[in-house]
Amino acid sequence: MDMIFFDNIDKLGRIVLTAVMVYVLIVLATKVSGKRSTSQLNNFDWIVTVMIGSLGASTVLLENIPFIEGAASIIVLYVLQFLVTKYASISPAFSSVILSEPRIVFYQGQFLPDAMRAERLTRQELECAMRSEGVHSLSEIEAIVFESDAKLTIIIKSDSEQATDTVSETLAPLTD
């Protein structure tokens, strides 16, 4: 119970110094690895990000993991992520194994319950995405796509498709 707030100054100094070094390493490695590591994350990118965070925390807090070993494991993950995503960009077959495919969950005025169930989406989540895009009527939407990065994309109908459910603008106002 006596180590709840403070153990010793050497341990604290090691944690502070290691935290600074791990922070600098992750910032630099993220900068070098490019936009992919900080963009909307697909499942694969999310897993790598969580692993890097876990390795960083372990390196900072666990005395039996020297900085060099923690840094090496973090760098290996960044290199593996780069190699896997590079190969996925040139191999559609490999890409389909690593990345999930987008799925249409709403199409031409109809929610697609099987697709929504497979992606574990609710109608409320789709309606929230609609509101955030400024869409207030289902008739305005051609489709909603659940993307591989877990973002919902709203595809609006073209003006000619929407014209069937709007009041005609060709009516002249009543005049005296």
Protein backbone atom coordinates (compact mmCIF):
# COMPACT_ATOMS: atom_id res chain seq x y z
CA MET A 1 0.00 0.00 0.00
CA ASP A 2 2.99 2.32 0.45
CA MET A 3 3.76 2.39 -3.35
CA ILE A 4 0.41 3.79 -4.50
CA PHE A 5 1.66 7.35 -5.04
CA PHE A 6 5.43 6.99 -5.28
CA ASP A 7 8.00 4.20 -5.40
CA ASN A 8 11.38 5.79 -6.01
CA ILE A 9 12.97 8.61 -7.96
CA ASP A 10 15.04 6.32 -10.20
CA LYS A 11 11.96 4.47 -11.42
CA LEU A 12 10.11 7.74 -12.01
CA GLY A 13 13.06 9.18 -13.92
CA ARG A 14 13.27 6.07 -16.13
CA ILE A 15 9.54 6.24 -16.90
CA VAL A 16 9.67 9.95 -17.78
CA LEU A 17 12.77 9.56 -19.97
CA THR A 18 11.42 6.46 -21.71
CA ALA A 19 8.02 8.10 -22.26
CA VAL A 20 9.69 11.05 -23.98
CA MET A 21 11.82 8.75 -26.17
CA VAL A 22 8.85 6.50 -27.11
CA TYR A 23 6.73 9.58 -27.87
CA VAL A 24 9.40 11.01 -30.18
CA LEU A 25 9.88 7.60 -31.84
CA ILE A 26 6.14 7.15 -32.53
CA VAL A 27 5.71 10.73 -33.80
CA LEU A 28 8.70 10.38 -36.15
CA ALA A 29 7.72 6.88 -37.33
CA THR A 30 4.15 8.05 -37.97
CA LYS A 31 5.44 11.06 -39.92
CA VAL A 32 7.75 8.86 -42.01
CA SER A 33 5.07 6.21 -42.62
CA GLY A 34 2.76 8.80 -44.17
CA LYS A 35 -0.89 9.72 -44.06
CA ARG A 36 -2.07 6.11 -44.04
CA SER A 37 -1.20 5.64 -40.37
CA THR A 38 -3.33 8.59 -39.25
CA SER A 39 -6.21 8.51 -41.74
CA GLN A 40 -9.59 6.88 -41.20
CA LEU A 41 -8.59 3.46 -39.98
CA ASN A 42 -9.75 0.21 -41.51
CA ASN A 43 -9.62 -2.95 -39.36
CA PHE A 44 -6.04 -3.76 -40.31
CA ASP A 45 -4.75 -0.25 -39.56
CA TRP A 46 -6.67 -0.14 -36.28
CA ILE A 47 -5.09 -3.40 -35.09
CA VAL A 48 -1.59 -2.14 -35.90
CA THR A 49 -2.30 1.17 -34.13
CA VAL A 50 -3.49 -0.63 -30.99
CA MET A 51 -0.42 -2.87 -31.05
CA ILE A 52 1.91 0.13 -31.39
CA GLY A 53 0.17 1.83 -28.46
CA SER A 54 0.48 -1.31 -26.35
CA LEU A 55 4.16 -1.71 -27.19
CA GLY A 56 4.78 1.95 -26.42
CA ALA A 57 3.07 1.68 -23.03
CA SER A 58 4.91 -1.54 -22.19
CA THR A 59 8.24 0.02 -23.12
CA VAL A 60 7.53 3.03 -20.92
CA LEU A 61 6.21 1.19 -17.84
CA LEU A 62 7.93 -2.20 -17.74
CA GLU A 63 11.49 -2.13 -16.48
CA ASN A 64 12.40 -5.44 -18.12
CA ILE A 65 11.80 -4.02 -21.63
CA PRO A 66 14.73 -1.81 -22.66
CA PHE A 67 13.99 1.14 -24.93
CA ILE A 68 15.89 -0.41 -27.86
CA GLU A 69 13.78 -3.59 -27.74
CA GLY A 70 10.53 -1.65 -27.53
CA ALA A 71 11.63 0.71 -30.30
CA ALA A 72 12.62 -2.22 -32.51
CA SER A 73 9.22 -3.85 -32.09
CA ILE A 74 7.41 -0.58 -32.88
CA ILE A 75 9.53 0.01 -35.99
CA VAL A 76 8.96 -3.59 -37.14
CA LEU A 77 5.19 -3.02 -36.93
CA TYR A 78 5.42 0.18 -38.97
CA VAL A 79 7.56 -1.61 -41.60
CA LEU A 80 5.15 -4.56 -41.72
CA GLN A 81 2.19 -2.21 -42.06
CA PHE A 82 3.96 -0.43 -44.92
CA LEU A 83 4.81 -3.70 -46.70
CA VAL A 84 1.33 -5.18 -46.29
CA THR A 85 -0.46 -2.03 -47.46
CA LYS A 86 2.01 -1.60 -50.36
CA TYR A 87 1.36 -5.16 -51.52
CA ALA A 88 -2.40 -4.74 -51.01
CA SER A 89 -2.31 -1.68 -53.29
CA ILE A 90 -0.86 -3.74 -56.15
CA SER A 91 -2.62 -7.07 -55.52
CA PRO A 92 -6.42 -7.01 -55.55
CA ALA A 93 -6.57 -10.62 -54.30
CA PHE A 94 -4.35 -9.83 -51.30
CA SER A 95 -6.22 -6.61 -50.69
CA SER A 96 -9.55 -8.44 -50.48
CA VAL A 97 -8.08 -10.72 -47.78
CA ILE A 98 -6.69 -7.83 -45.69
CA LEU A 99 -9.35 -5.14 -46.18
CA SER A 100 -13.09 -5.48 -45.83
CA GLU A 101 -15.26 -4.61 -48.80
CA PRO A 102 -17.69 -1.69 -48.74
CA ARG A 103 -21.33 -2.79 -48.37
CA ILE A 104 -24.54 -1.06 -49.42
CA VAL A 105 -26.88 -0.90 -46.41
CA PHE A 106 -29.60 1.35 -47.88
CA TYR A 107 -30.64 1.48 -51.52
CA GLN A 108 -33.37 3.41 -53.37
CA GLY A 109 -35.56 4.12 -50.36
CA GLN A 110 -35.11 0.75 -48.69
CA PHE A 111 -33.04 -0.25 -45.67
CA LEU A 112 -31.30 -3.56 -46.40
CA PRO A 113 -31.81 -5.54 -43.16
CA ASP A 114 -29.54 -8.46 -44.07
CA ALA A 115 -26.65 -6.14 -44.93
CA MET A 116 -27.30 -4.03 -41.82
CA ARG A 117 -27.39 -7.14 -39.62
CA ALA A 118 -24.16 -8.49 -41.18
CA GLU A 119 -22.42 -5.17 -40.43
CA ARG A 120 -24.14 -4.81 -37.02
CA LEU A 121 -25.65 -1.43 -37.94
CA THR A 122 -28.91 0.01 -36.68
CA ARG A 123 -31.37 2.27 -38.44
CA GLN A 124 -30.53 4.96 -35.87
CA GLU A 125 -26.86 4.90 -36.92
CA LEU A 126 -27.81 5.34 -40.57
CA GLU A 127 -30.20 8.17 -39.69
CA CYS A 128 -27.46 9.84 -37.62
CA ALA A 129 -25.14 9.72 -40.65
CA MET A 130 -27.92 11.23 -42.78
CA ARG A 131 -28.47 14.09 -40.34
CA SER A 132 -24.76 14.80 -40.14
CA GLU A 133 -24.76 15.17 -43.94
CA GLY A 134 -27.77 17.50 -43.80
CA VAL A 135 -30.16 14.95 -45.32
CA HIS A 136 -33.64 14.93 -43.82
CA SER A 137 -35.60 12.69 -46.17
CA LEU A 138 -35.03 9.11 -47.25
CA SER A 139 -36.26 10.08 -50.71
CA GLU A 140 -33.14 12.28 -51.15
CA ILE A 141 -30.83 9.28 -50.89
CA GLU A 142 -29.80 6.88 -53.63
CA ALA A 143 -27.69 4.71 -51.32
CA ILE A 144 -25.80 4.50 -48.05
CA VAL A 145 -22.51 2.61 -48.16
CA PHE A 146 -20.71 1.23 -45.11
CA GLU A 147 -17.07 1.75 -46.11
CA SER A 148 -14.08 -0.42 -45.22
CA ASP A 149 -12.94 2.27 -42.73
CA ALA A 150 -16.34 2.01 -40.94
CA LYS A 151 -17.50 5.38 -42.30
CA LEU A 152 -21.03 5.70 -43.67
CA THR A 153 -21.11 7.38 -47.09
CA ILE A 154 -24.39 8.96 -48.15
CA ILE A 155 -24.96 9.03 -51.92
CA ILE A 156 -27.53 11.66 -52.82
CA LYS A 157 -29.89 11.19 -55.77
CA SER A 158 -29.34 13.45 -58.74
CA ASP A 159 -31.70 16.41 -59.06
CA SER A 160 -33.71 14.69 -61.79
CA GLU A 161 -34.32 11.64 -59.56
CA GLN A 162 -35.48 13.81 -56.65
CA ALA A 163 -37.91 15.78 -58.80
CA THR A 164 -40.64 13.15 -58.46
CA ASP A 165 -41.25 13.84 -54.77
CA THR A 166 -40.98 17.63 -54.76
CA VAL A 167 -43.45 20.39 -55.49
CA SER A 168 -43.14 21.66 -59.01
CA GLU A 169 -41.41 25.01 -59.28
CA THR A 170 -43.11 25.77 -62.61
CA LEU A 171 -46.40 26.80 -60.99
CA ALA A 172 -46.95 30.52 -61.26
CA PRO A 173 -47.99 32.36 -58.09
CA LEU A 174 -51.57 33.54 -57.84
CA THR A 175 -51.99 37.16 -58.95
CA ASP A 176 -54.92 39.57 -58.77
